[in-house]
Amino acid sequence: MPLPGWFELFALLLAALGLGLSLVCFSHIRQLKERLTDARNETYLLVKALRNETHAMGSGSIGVGQRLVEVEKRLNSTMERQMEFEQRDPGSLPYAYAVRLVEMGATAEDLIENCGLARVEAELITLVHTELKAQKERPIREEHYSMN
């Protein structure tokens, strides 16, 4: 049997080198597939967690909305009862008149002179009206900023 020549040895060496490279490539491909599978599983878990959080937030928002509607109904009912009370009680007319005057810009001194109220009563009505006016202005500013 004749000894192999340089060409045959070179071809055998290239074949062995090709086989070694293909084994290394297949090993890297398998590792990349495992990493891809892990990344897919992690992404799936994150999406699932986000869905749960979104669902919880939506449910919470609905609950808050329902509570807000209930509070609004109670507020409207209270306001209606207050109006009925003011219309029934003739003694409350100076107070209703005083509130109207404050809404038009009257001071506590004006209320004392025109409605015959005590200083404490006049200052209390003025203070309450100022606070209510400030509360009414706050949501308008918030809505204004949220629209931009």
C-alpha atoms as a PDB file:
ATOM      1  CA  MET A   1       0.000   0.000   0.000  1.00  0.00           C
ATOM      2  CA  PRO A   2       1.464   3.351  -1.019  1.00  0.00           C
ATOM      3  CA  LEU A   3       1.961   6.148   1.514  1.00  0.00           C
ATOM      4  CA  PRO A   4      -0.394   9.086   1.209  1.00  0.00           C
ATOM      5  CA  GLY A   5       0.991  12.180  -0.423  1.00  0.00           C
ATOM      6  CA  TRP A   6       0.915  15.769   0.659  1.00  0.00           C
ATOM      7  CA  PHE A   7      -2.303  16.422  -1.152  1.00  0.00           C
ATOM      8  CA  GLU A   8      -4.112  13.576   0.565  1.00  0.00           C
ATOM      9  CA  LEU A   9      -2.765  14.619   3.990  1.00  0.00           C
ATOM     10  CA  PHE A  10      -3.794  18.209   3.343  1.00  0.00           C
ATOM     11  CA  ALA A  11      -7.284  17.103   2.291  1.00  0.00           C
ATOM     12  CA  LEU A  12      -7.555  14.883   5.394  1.00  0.00           C
ATOM     13  CA  LEU A  13      -6.401  17.760   7.613  1.00  0.00           C
ATOM     14  CA  LEU A  14      -8.945  20.114   6.000  1.00  0.00           C
ATOM     15  CA  ALA A  15     -11.709  17.549   6.485  1.00  0.00           C
ATOM     16  CA  ALA A  16     -10.804  17.111  10.169  1.00  0.00           C
ATOM     17  CA  LEU A  17     -10.642  20.876  10.625  1.00  0.00           C
ATOM     18  CA  GLY A  18     -14.033  21.266   8.897  1.00  0.00           C
ATOM     19  CA  LEU A  19     -15.527  18.565  11.126  1.00  0.00           C
ATOM     20  CA  GLY A  20     -14.159  20.293  14.250  1.00  0.00           C
ATOM     21  CA  LEU A  21     -15.502  23.685  13.135  1.00  0.00           C
ATOM     22  CA  SER A  22     -18.912  22.216  12.354  1.00  0.00           C
ATOM     23  CA  LEU A  23     -19.067  20.626  15.833  1.00  0.00           C
ATOM     24  CA  VAL A  24     -18.171  23.961  17.438  1.00  0.00           C
ATOM     25  CA  CYS A  25     -20.801  25.738  15.299  1.00  0.00           C
ATOM     26  CA  PHE A  26     -23.473  23.203  16.209  1.00  0.00           C
ATOM     27  CA  SER A  27     -22.593  23.623  19.894  1.00  0.00           C
ATOM     28  CA  HIS A  28     -22.933  27.421  19.599  1.00  0.00           C
ATOM     29  CA  ILE A  29     -26.204  27.054  17.699  1.00  0.00           C
ATOM     30  CA  ARG A  30     -27.565  24.799  20.443  1.00  0.00           C
ATOM     31  CA  GLN A  31     -26.533  27.356  23.109  1.00  0.00           C
ATOM     32  CA  LEU A  32     -28.136  30.163  21.117  1.00  0.00           C
ATOM     33  CA  LYS A  33     -31.354  28.139  20.800  1.00  0.00           C
ATOM     34  CA  GLU A  34     -31.398  27.580  24.566  1.00  0.00           C
ATOM     35  CA  ARG A  35     -30.833  31.302  25.208  1.00  0.00           C
ATOM     36  CA  LEU A  36     -33.580  32.144  22.724  1.00  0.00           C
ATOM     37  CA  THR A  37     -35.955  29.723  24.450  1.00  0.00           C
ATOM     38  CA  ASP A  38     -35.092  31.248  27.831  1.00  0.00           C
ATOM     39  CA  ALA A  39     -35.625  34.761  26.453  1.00  0.00           C
ATOM     40  CA  ARG A  40     -39.000  33.740  24.988  1.00  0.00           C
ATOM     41  CA  ASN A  41     -40.066  32.235  28.318  1.00  0.00           C
ATOM     42  CA  GLU A  42     -38.968  35.354  30.197  1.00  0.00           C
ATOM     43  CA  THR A  43     -40.785  37.576  27.702  1.00  0.00           C
ATOM     44  CA  TYR A  44     -43.911  35.455  28.058  1.00  0.00           C
ATOM     45  CA  LEU A  45     -43.781  35.776  31.844  1.00  0.00           C
ATOM     46  CA  LEU A  46     -43.268  39.551  31.610  1.00  0.00           C
ATOM     47  CA  VAL A  47     -46.190  39.936  29.209  1.00  0.00           C
ATOM     48  CA  LYS A  48     -48.351  37.812  31.488  1.00  0.00           C
ATOM     49  CA  ALA A  49     -47.383  39.934  34.512  1.00  0.00           C
ATOM     50  CA  LEU A  50     -48.116  43.144  32.583  1.00  0.00           C
ATOM     51  CA  ARG A  51     -51.515  41.804  31.534  1.00  0.00           C
ATOM     52  CA  ASN A  52     -52.335  40.985  35.149  1.00  0.00           C
ATOM     53  CA  GLU A  53     -51.240  44.447  36.299  1.00  0.00           C
ATOM     54  CA  THR A  54     -53.209  46.119  33.518  1.00  0.00           C
ATOM     55  CA  HIS A  55     -56.264  44.081  34.429  1.00  0.00           C
ATOM     56  CA  ALA A  56     -55.872  44.996  38.101  1.00  0.00           C
ATOM     57  CA  MET A  57     -55.488  48.678  37.234  1.00  0.00           C
ATOM     58  CA  GLY A  58     -58.544  48.562  35.005  1.00  0.00           C
ATOM     59  CA  SER A  59     -60.584  46.886  37.707  1.00  0.00           C
ATOM     60  CA  GLY A  60     -59.384  49.444  40.224  1.00  0.00           C
ATOM     61  CA  SER A  61     -60.256  52.300  37.894  1.00  0.00           C
ATOM     62  CA  ILE A  62     -63.739  50.933  37.405  1.00  0.00           C
ATOM     63  CA  GLY A  63     -64.161  50.646  41.165  1.00  0.00           C
ATOM     64  CA  VAL A  64     -62.967  54.209  41.699  1.00  0.00           C
ATOM     65  CA  GLY A  65     -65.272  55.412  38.948  1.00  0.00           C
ATOM     66  CA  GLN A  66     -68.248  53.693  40.551  1.00  0.00           C
ATOM     67  CA  ARG A  67     -67.382  55.187  43.926  1.00  0.00           C
ATOM     68  CA  LEU A  68     -67.043  58.601  42.348  1.00  0.00           C
ATOM     69  CA  VAL A  69     -70.491  58.282  40.777  1.00  0.00           C
ATOM     70  CA  GLU A  70     -71.930  57.290  44.171  1.00  0.00           C
ATOM     71  CA  VAL A  71     -70.253  60.249  45.874  1.00  0.00           C
ATOM     72  CA  GLU A  72     -71.509  62.575  43.169  1.00  0.00           C
ATOM     73  CA  LYS A  73     -75.073  61.286  43.644  1.00  0.00           C
ATOM     74  CA  ARG A  74     -74.802  61.790  47.389  1.00  0.00           C
ATOM     75  CA  LEU A  75     -73.414  65.289  46.878  1.00  0.00           C
ATOM     76  CA  ASN A  76     -76.248  66.216  44.537  1.00  0.00           C
ATOM     77  CA  SER A  77     -78.770  64.810  46.991  1.00  0.00           C
ATOM     78  CA  THR A  78     -77.200  66.770  49.834  1.00  0.00           C
ATOM     79  CA  MET A  79     -77.220  69.953  47.783  1.00  0.00           C
ATOM     80  CA  GLU A  80     -80.902  69.450  46.948  1.00  0.00           C
ATOM     81  CA  ARG A  81     -81.728  68.890  50.611  1.00  0.00           C
ATOM     82  CA  GLN A  82     -79.758  71.980  51.559  1.00  0.00           C
ATOM     83  CA  MET A  83     -81.676  74.060  49.030  1.00  0.00           C
ATOM     84  CA  GLU A  84     -84.967  72.695  50.379  1.00  0.00           C
ATOM     85  CA  PHE A  85     -83.854  73.471  53.904  1.00  0.00           C
ATOM     86  CA  GLU A  86     -82.899  77.013  52.968  1.00  0.00           C
ATOM     87  CA  GLN A  87     -86.278  77.544  51.329  1.00  0.00           C
ATOM     88  CA  ARG A  88     -88.178  76.180  54.357  1.00  0.00           C
ATOM     89  CA  ASP A  89     -86.275  78.023  57.099  1.00  0.00           C
ATOM     90  CA  PRO A  90     -87.059  81.759  57.043  1.00  0.00           C
ATOM     91  CA  GLY A  91     -84.293  82.374  59.599  1.00  0.00           C
ATOM     92  CA  SER A  92     -81.670  81.225  57.091  1.00  0.00           C
ATOM     93  CA  LEU A  93     -82.528  83.986  54.618  1.00  0.00           C
ATOM     94  CA  PRO A  94     -79.887  86.389  55.992  1.00  0.00           C
ATOM     95  CA  TYR A  95     -77.299  83.652  55.534  1.00  0.00           C
ATOM     96  CA  ALA A  96     -78.385  82.882  51.971  1.00  0.00           C
ATOM     97  CA  TYR A  97     -78.333  86.611  51.218  1.00  0.00           C
ATOM     98  CA  ALA A  98     -74.894  86.872  52.840  1.00  0.00           C
ATOM     99  CA  VAL A  99     -73.574  84.017  50.694  1.00  0.00           C
ATOM    100  CA  ARG A 100     -74.867  85.717  47.561  1.00  0.00           C
ATOM    101  CA  LEU A 101     -73.200  88.959  48.611  1.00  0.00           C
ATOM    102  CA  VAL A 102     -69.886  87.180  49.198  1.00  0.00           C
ATOM    103  CA  GLU A 103     -70.179  85.540  45.776  1.00  0.00           C
ATOM    104  CA  MET A 104     -70.510  89.033  44.328  1.00  0.00           C
ATOM    105  CA  GLY A 105     -67.363  90.158  46.160  1.00  0.00           C
ATOM    106  CA  ALA A 106     -68.605  91.478  49.497  1.00  0.00           C
ATOM    107  CA  THR A 107     -66.269  91.504  52.488  1.00  0.00           C
ATOM    108  CA  ALA A 108     -66.964  90.457  56.077  1.00  0.00           C
ATOM    109  CA  GLU A 109     -67.546  94.128  56.990  1.00  0.00           C
ATOM    110  CA  ASP A 110     -70.192  94.407  54.256  1.00  0.00           C
ATOM    111  CA  LEU A 111     -71.987  91.356  55.652  1.00  0.00           C
ATOM    112  CA  ILE A 112     -71.991  92.808  59.157  1.00  0.00           C
ATOM    113  CA  GLU A 113     -73.513  96.057  57.930  1.00  0.00           C
ATOM    114  CA  ASN A 114     -76.039  94.703  55.398  1.00  0.00           C
ATOM    115  CA  CYS A 115     -77.152  91.392  56.925  1.00  0.00           C
ATOM    116  CA  GLY A 116     -76.838  92.098  60.632  1.00  0.00           C
ATOM    117  CA  LEU A 117     -74.512  89.146  61.166  1.00  0.00           C
ATOM    118  CA  ALA A 118     -72.003  88.845  63.960  1.00  0.00           C
ATOM    119  CA  ARG A 119     -68.356  89.352  63.009  1.00  0.00           C
ATOM    120  CA  VAL A 120     -67.570  85.658  63.552  1.00  0.00           C
ATOM    121  CA  GLU A 121     -70.464  84.596  61.304  1.00  0.00           C
ATOM    122  CA  ALA A 122     -69.465  87.054  58.585  1.00  0.00           C
ATOM    123  CA  GLU A 123     -65.821  85.948  58.672  1.00  0.00           C
ATOM    124  CA  LEU A 124     -66.832  82.285  58.610  1.00  0.00           C
ATOM    125  CA  ILE A 125     -69.056  82.747  55.554  1.00  0.00           C
ATOM    126  CA  THR A 126     -66.304  84.701  53.780  1.00  0.00           C
ATOM    127  CA  LEU A 127     -63.690  82.064  54.636  1.00  0.00           C
ATOM    128  CA  VAL A 128     -65.874  79.165  53.482  1.00  0.00           C
ATOM    129  CA  HIS A 129     -66.708  80.912  50.228  1.00  0.00           C
ATOM    130  CA  THR A 130     -63.012  81.668  49.575  1.00  0.00           C
ATOM    131  CA  GLU A 131     -62.108  78.019  50.165  1.00  0.00           C
ATOM    132  CA  LEU A 132     -64.900  76.760  47.898  1.00  0.00           C
ATOM    133  CA  LYS A 133     -63.838  79.156  45.163  1.00  0.00           C
ATOM    134  CA  ALA A 134     -60.226  77.916  45.446  1.00  0.00           C
ATOM    135  CA  GLN A 135     -61.371  74.294  45.237  1.00  0.00           C
ATOM    136  CA  LYS A 136     -63.431  74.986  42.130  1.00  0.00           C
ATOM    137  CA  GLU A 137     -60.441  76.604  40.407  1.00  0.00           C
ATOM    138  CA  ARG A 138     -58.008  73.747  41.107  1.00  0.00           C
ATOM    139  CA  PRO A 139     -59.613  71.070  38.863  1.00  0.00           C
ATOM    140  CA  ILE A 140     -59.806  73.532  35.985  1.00  0.00           C
ATOM    141  CA  ARG A 141     -56.057  74.083  36.143  1.00  0.00           C
ATOM    142  CA  GLU A 142     -55.383  70.340  36.350  1.00  0.00           C
ATOM    143  CA  GLU A 143     -57.613  69.645  33.346  1.00  0.00           C
ATOM    144  CA  HIS A 144     -55.908  72.462  31.471  1.00  0.00           C
ATOM    145  CA  TYR A 145     -52.474  70.925  32.036  1.00  0.00           C
ATOM    146  CA  SER A 146     -53.605  67.394  31.292  1.00  0.00           C
ATOM    147  CA  MET A 147     -54.963  68.366  27.892  1.00  0.00           C
ATOM    148  CA  ASN A 148     -51.548  69.628  26.696  1.00  0.00           C
END
